[in-house]
Amino acid sequence: MNRPLRLLLAGSLLLGLSGCAGFDFDKINPFQERKTPLSGTRQPVFPNGVPGVTASAPLDQPSNANVSLDAISAAKPNASAAAPGSN
């Protein structure tokens, strides 16, 4: 009974911390290593958007989208094939 209680407590603690926007995870660094920020100015990599990607376009359908369901349902099993479990 003790283990499920611990798991529930740990899960609720992690769930609570994941939704906390003001929590700084760098403060709980167990090795106390601080990252020094790189010098220079920050500039966007693609200021006009990623080339070749249209943000408002819907995603492409997979390549098997052109197969009709009638063709799938009309497929019949191979009668000459051995049945599973028979040799």
N, C-alpha and C. Protein backbone atom coordinates (compact mmCIF):
# COMPACT_ATOMS: atom_id res chain seq x y z
N MET A 1 0.82 -1.19 0.00
CA MET A 1 0.00 0.00 0.00
C MET A 1 0.87 1.26 0.00
N ASN A 2 2.07 1.12 0.51
CA ASN A 2 2.95 2.27 0.61
C ASN A 2 3.47 2.70 -0.77
N ARG A 3 3.77 1.72 -1.63
CA ARG A 3 4.31 2.05 -2.95
C ARG A 3 3.30 2.79 -3.82
N PRO A 4 2.04 2.35 -3.92
CA PRO A 4 1.08 3.12 -4.72
C PRO A 4 0.88 4.54 -4.20
N LEU A 5 0.96 4.70 -2.90
CA LEU A 5 0.82 6.05 -2.33
C LEU A 5 1.99 6.93 -2.74
N ARG A 6 3.20 6.36 -2.73
CA ARG A 6 4.36 7.13 -3.17
C ARG A 6 4.27 7.50 -4.65
N LEU A 7 3.84 6.53 -5.46
CA LEU A 7 3.70 6.82 -6.89
C LEU A 7 2.65 7.90 -7.15
N LEU A 8 1.56 7.84 -6.42
CA LEU A 8 0.52 8.85 -6.56
C LEU A 8 1.04 10.23 -6.13
N LEU A 9 1.78 10.27 -5.05
CA LEU A 9 2.34 11.53 -4.58
C LEU A 9 3.36 12.09 -5.57
N ALA A 10 4.24 11.23 -6.09
CA ALA A 10 5.24 11.69 -7.05
C ALA A 10 4.56 12.15 -8.35
N GLY A 11 3.56 11.42 -8.80
CA GLY A 11 2.85 11.81 -10.01
C GLY A 11 2.13 13.12 -9.87
N SER A 12 1.49 13.33 -8.73
CA SER A 12 0.78 14.60 -8.54
C SER A 12 1.76 15.75 -8.40
N LEU A 13 2.91 15.50 -7.79
CA LEU A 13 3.93 16.56 -7.68
C LEU A 13 4.47 16.93 -9.06
N LEU A 14 4.76 15.92 -9.89
CA LEU A 14 5.26 16.21 -11.23
C LEU A 14 4.21 16.90 -12.08
N LEU A 15 2.97 16.48 -11.94
CA LEU A 15 1.89 17.11 -12.69
C LEU A 15 1.72 18.57 -12.25
N GLY A 16 1.83 18.81 -10.98
CA GLY A 16 1.72 20.18 -10.47
C GLY A 16 2.85 21.06 -10.94
N LEU A 17 4.06 20.52 -10.97
CA LEU A 17 5.20 21.32 -11.41
C LEU A 17 5.19 21.55 -12.91
N SER A 18 4.61 20.64 -13.66
CA SER A 18 4.61 20.81 -15.11
C SER A 18 3.70 21.96 -15.54
N GLY A 19 2.69 22.26 -14.77
CA GLY A 19 1.78 23.33 -15.12
C GLY A 19 2.17 24.67 -14.51
N CYS A 20 3.23 24.70 -13.76
CA CYS A 20 3.62 25.93 -13.08
C CYS A 20 4.54 26.73 -13.98
N ALA A 21 4.05 27.84 -14.50
CA ALA A 21 4.82 28.63 -15.46
C ALA A 21 5.93 29.42 -14.78
N GLY A 22 5.76 29.78 -13.52
CA GLY A 22 6.75 30.59 -12.84
C GLY A 22 7.86 29.79 -12.20
N PHE A 23 7.83 28.48 -12.31
CA PHE A 23 8.84 27.64 -11.68
C PHE A 23 10.09 27.60 -12.54
N ASP A 24 11.24 27.82 -11.95
CA ASP A 24 12.51 27.81 -12.66
C ASP A 24 13.21 26.48 -12.41
N PHE A 25 13.25 25.62 -13.43
CA PHE A 25 13.84 24.30 -13.28
C PHE A 25 15.36 24.37 -13.16
N ASP A 26 15.98 25.49 -13.51
CA ASP A 26 17.42 25.62 -13.36
C ASP A 26 17.83 25.69 -11.90
N LYS A 27 16.91 26.06 -11.04
CA LYS A 27 17.23 26.16 -9.62
C LYS A 27 17.36 24.78 -8.96
N ILE A 28 16.79 23.74 -9.58
CA ILE A 28 16.89 22.42 -8.98
C ILE A 28 17.95 21.58 -9.67
N ASN A 29 18.92 22.20 -10.29
CA ASN A 29 20.03 21.52 -10.94
C ASN A 29 20.87 20.84 -9.86
N PRO A 30 20.95 19.50 -9.86
CA PRO A 30 21.68 18.82 -8.77
C PRO A 30 23.19 19.02 -8.84
N PHE A 31 23.73 19.37 -9.97
CA PHE A 31 25.17 19.53 -10.09
C PHE A 31 25.62 20.98 -9.99
N GLN A 32 24.67 21.89 -9.87
CA GLN A 32 24.94 23.32 -9.74
C GLN A 32 25.81 23.85 -10.88
N GLU A 33 25.60 23.32 -12.06
CA GLU A 33 26.31 23.83 -13.24
C GLU A 33 25.46 24.93 -13.86
N ARG A 34 26.04 26.07 -14.07
CA ARG A 34 25.33 27.19 -14.68
C ARG A 34 25.81 27.36 -16.11
N LYS A 35 24.89 27.51 -17.02
CA LYS A 35 25.25 27.74 -18.41
C LYS A 35 25.43 29.23 -18.63
N THR A 36 26.54 29.59 -19.23
CA THR A 36 26.77 31.00 -19.53
C THR A 36 26.19 31.28 -20.92
N PRO A 37 25.38 32.32 -21.04
CA PRO A 37 24.79 32.63 -22.34
C PRO A 37 25.86 33.08 -23.33
N LEU A 38 25.65 32.74 -24.58
CA LEU A 38 26.58 33.15 -25.63
C LEU A 38 26.47 34.64 -25.88
N SER A 39 27.56 35.24 -26.25
CA SER A 39 27.55 36.66 -26.53
C SER A 39 27.00 36.92 -27.92
N GLY A 40 26.50 38.12 -28.14
CA GLY A 40 25.98 38.50 -29.45
C GLY A 40 24.49 38.75 -29.40
N THR A 41 23.97 39.20 -30.52
CA THR A 41 22.54 39.48 -30.59
C THR A 41 21.81 38.28 -31.16
N ARG A 42 20.59 38.09 -30.72
CA ARG A 42 19.78 36.97 -31.20
C ARG A 42 18.98 37.42 -32.41
N GLN A 43 19.05 36.64 -33.48
CA GLN A 43 18.31 36.94 -34.70
C GLN A 43 17.57 35.69 -35.14
N PRO A 44 16.36 35.86 -35.69
CA PRO A 44 15.62 34.68 -36.13
C PRO A 44 16.31 33.99 -37.30
N VAL A 45 16.22 32.67 -37.33
CA VAL A 45 16.87 31.91 -38.40
C VAL A 45 16.12 32.10 -39.71
N PHE A 46 14.79 31.99 -39.65
CA PHE A 46 13.94 32.19 -40.83
C PHE A 46 12.96 33.32 -40.53
N PRO A 47 13.33 34.57 -40.77
CA PRO A 47 12.43 35.67 -40.43
C PRO A 47 11.15 35.68 -41.26
N ASN A 48 11.16 35.16 -42.46
CA ASN A 48 9.97 35.15 -43.31
C ASN A 48 9.28 33.79 -43.32
N GLY A 49 9.62 32.91 -42.40
CA GLY A 49 9.04 31.58 -42.35
C GLY A 49 9.97 30.55 -42.95
N VAL A 50 9.70 29.30 -42.69
CA VAL A 50 10.54 28.22 -43.18
C VAL A 50 10.30 28.06 -44.68
N PRO A 51 11.36 28.02 -45.48
CA PRO A 51 11.18 27.87 -46.93
C PRO A 51 10.53 26.52 -47.27
N GLY A 52 9.57 26.56 -48.16
CA GLY A 52 8.90 25.35 -48.60
C GLY A 52 7.76 24.89 -47.71
N VAL A 53 7.47 25.62 -46.64
CA VAL A 53 6.39 25.24 -45.73
C VAL A 53 5.37 26.36 -45.70
N THR A 54 4.15 26.03 -46.02
CA THR A 54 3.06 27.00 -45.94
C THR A 54 2.31 26.75 -44.65
N ALA A 55 2.29 27.76 -43.78
CA ALA A 55 1.69 27.57 -42.46
C ALA A 55 0.19 27.38 -42.54
N SER A 56 -0.48 27.96 -43.51
CA SER A 56 -1.93 27.86 -43.58
C SER A 56 -2.41 26.68 -44.41
N ALA A 57 -1.51 25.96 -45.06
CA ALA A 57 -1.91 24.83 -45.91
C ALA A 57 -2.13 23.59 -45.05
N PRO A 58 -3.13 22.78 -45.39
CA PRO A 58 -3.33 21.54 -44.63
C PRO A 58 -2.21 20.55 -44.93
N LEU A 59 -2.04 19.59 -44.03
CA LEU A 59 -0.99 18.59 -44.21
C LEU A 59 -1.34 17.68 -45.39
N ASP A 60 -0.33 17.19 -46.07
CA ASP A 60 -0.53 16.27 -47.18
C ASP A 60 -1.05 14.94 -46.66
N GLN A 61 -1.88 14.31 -47.44
CA GLN A 61 -2.39 12.99 -47.08
C GLN A 61 -1.33 11.94 -47.36
N PRO A 62 -1.36 10.83 -46.64
CA PRO A 62 -0.39 9.78 -46.91
C PRO A 62 -0.57 9.20 -48.30
N SER A 63 0.44 8.52 -48.79
CA SER A 63 0.41 8.04 -50.16
C SER A 63 -0.63 6.95 -50.39
N ASN A 64 -1.12 6.28 -49.36
CA ASN A 64 -2.12 5.24 -49.56
C ASN A 64 -3.54 5.80 -49.52
N ALA A 65 -3.68 7.11 -49.55
CA ALA A 65 -5.01 7.72 -49.49
C ALA A 65 -5.77 7.52 -50.79
N ASN A 66 -5.10 7.16 -51.88
CA ASN A 66 -5.78 6.98 -53.15
C ASN A 66 -6.35 5.57 -53.33
N VAL A 67 -6.18 4.69 -52.35
CA VAL A 67 -6.72 3.33 -52.42
C VAL A 67 -8.16 3.37 -51.94
N SER A 68 -9.07 2.83 -52.75
CA SER A 68 -10.48 2.85 -52.34
C SER A 68 -10.74 1.72 -51.35
N LEU A 69 -11.71 1.93 -50.50
CA LEU A 69 -12.07 0.92 -49.52
C LEU A 69 -12.72 -0.29 -50.18
N ASP A 70 -13.33 -0.10 -51.35
CA ASP A 70 -13.93 -1.22 -52.06
C ASP A 70 -12.87 -2.24 -52.50
N ALA A 71 -11.71 -1.74 -52.90
CA ALA A 71 -10.64 -2.63 -53.33
C ALA A 71 -10.11 -3.44 -52.14
N ILE A 72 -10.12 -2.85 -50.98
CA ILE A 72 -9.64 -3.55 -49.79
C ILE A 72 -10.64 -4.62 -49.37
N SER A 73 -11.92 -4.28 -49.36
CA SER A 73 -12.93 -5.23 -48.92
C SER A 73 -13.15 -6.35 -49.94
N ALA A 74 -12.81 -6.13 -51.21
CA ALA A 74 -13.00 -7.14 -52.24
C ALA A 74 -11.86 -8.15 -52.25
N ALA A 75 -10.79 -7.90 -51.53
CA ALA A 75 -9.66 -8.82 -51.51
C ALA A 75 -10.08 -10.11 -50.81
N LYS A 76 -9.71 -11.22 -51.39
CA LYS A 76 -10.07 -12.52 -50.85
C LYS A 76 -8.81 -13.24 -50.38
N PRO A 77 -8.92 -14.04 -49.34
CA PRO A 77 -7.74 -14.77 -48.88
C PRO A 77 -7.32 -15.82 -49.90
N ASN A 78 -6.06 -16.13 -49.89
CA ASN A 78 -5.49 -17.12 -50.81
C ASN A 78 -5.88 -18.51 -50.31
N ALA A 79 -6.67 -19.25 -51.10
CA ALA A 79 -7.16 -20.56 -50.69
C ALA A 79 -6.05 -21.60 -50.69
N SER A 80 -5.02 -21.42 -51.50
CA SER A 80 -3.95 -22.42 -51.56
C SER A 80 -2.93 -22.25 -50.44
N ALA A 81 -3.03 -21.18 -49.70
CA ALA A 81 -2.09 -20.95 -48.61
C ALA A 81 -2.42 -21.85 -47.44
N ALA A 82 -1.41 -22.28 -46.73
CA ALA A 82 -1.63 -23.15 -45.57
C ALA A 82 -2.28 -22.36 -44.45
N ALA A 83 -3.19 -23.02 -43.76
CA ALA A 83 -3.85 -22.39 -42.63
C ALA A 83 -2.89 -22.34 -41.45
N PRO A 84 -3.01 -21.33 -40.61
CA PRO A 84 -2.13 -21.25 -39.44
C PRO A 84 -2.31 -22.48 -38.56
N GLY A 85 -1.24 -23.06 -38.13
CA GLY A 85 -1.27 -24.21 -37.24
C GLY A 85 -1.29 -25.54 -37.96
N SER A 86 -1.42 -25.54 -39.27
CA SER A 86 -1.41 -26.81 -40.01
C SER A 86 -0.13 -26.89 -40.83
N ASN A 87 0.45 -28.05 -40.87
CA ASN A 87 1.72 -28.22 -41.60
C ASN A 87 1.52 -29.08 -42.80
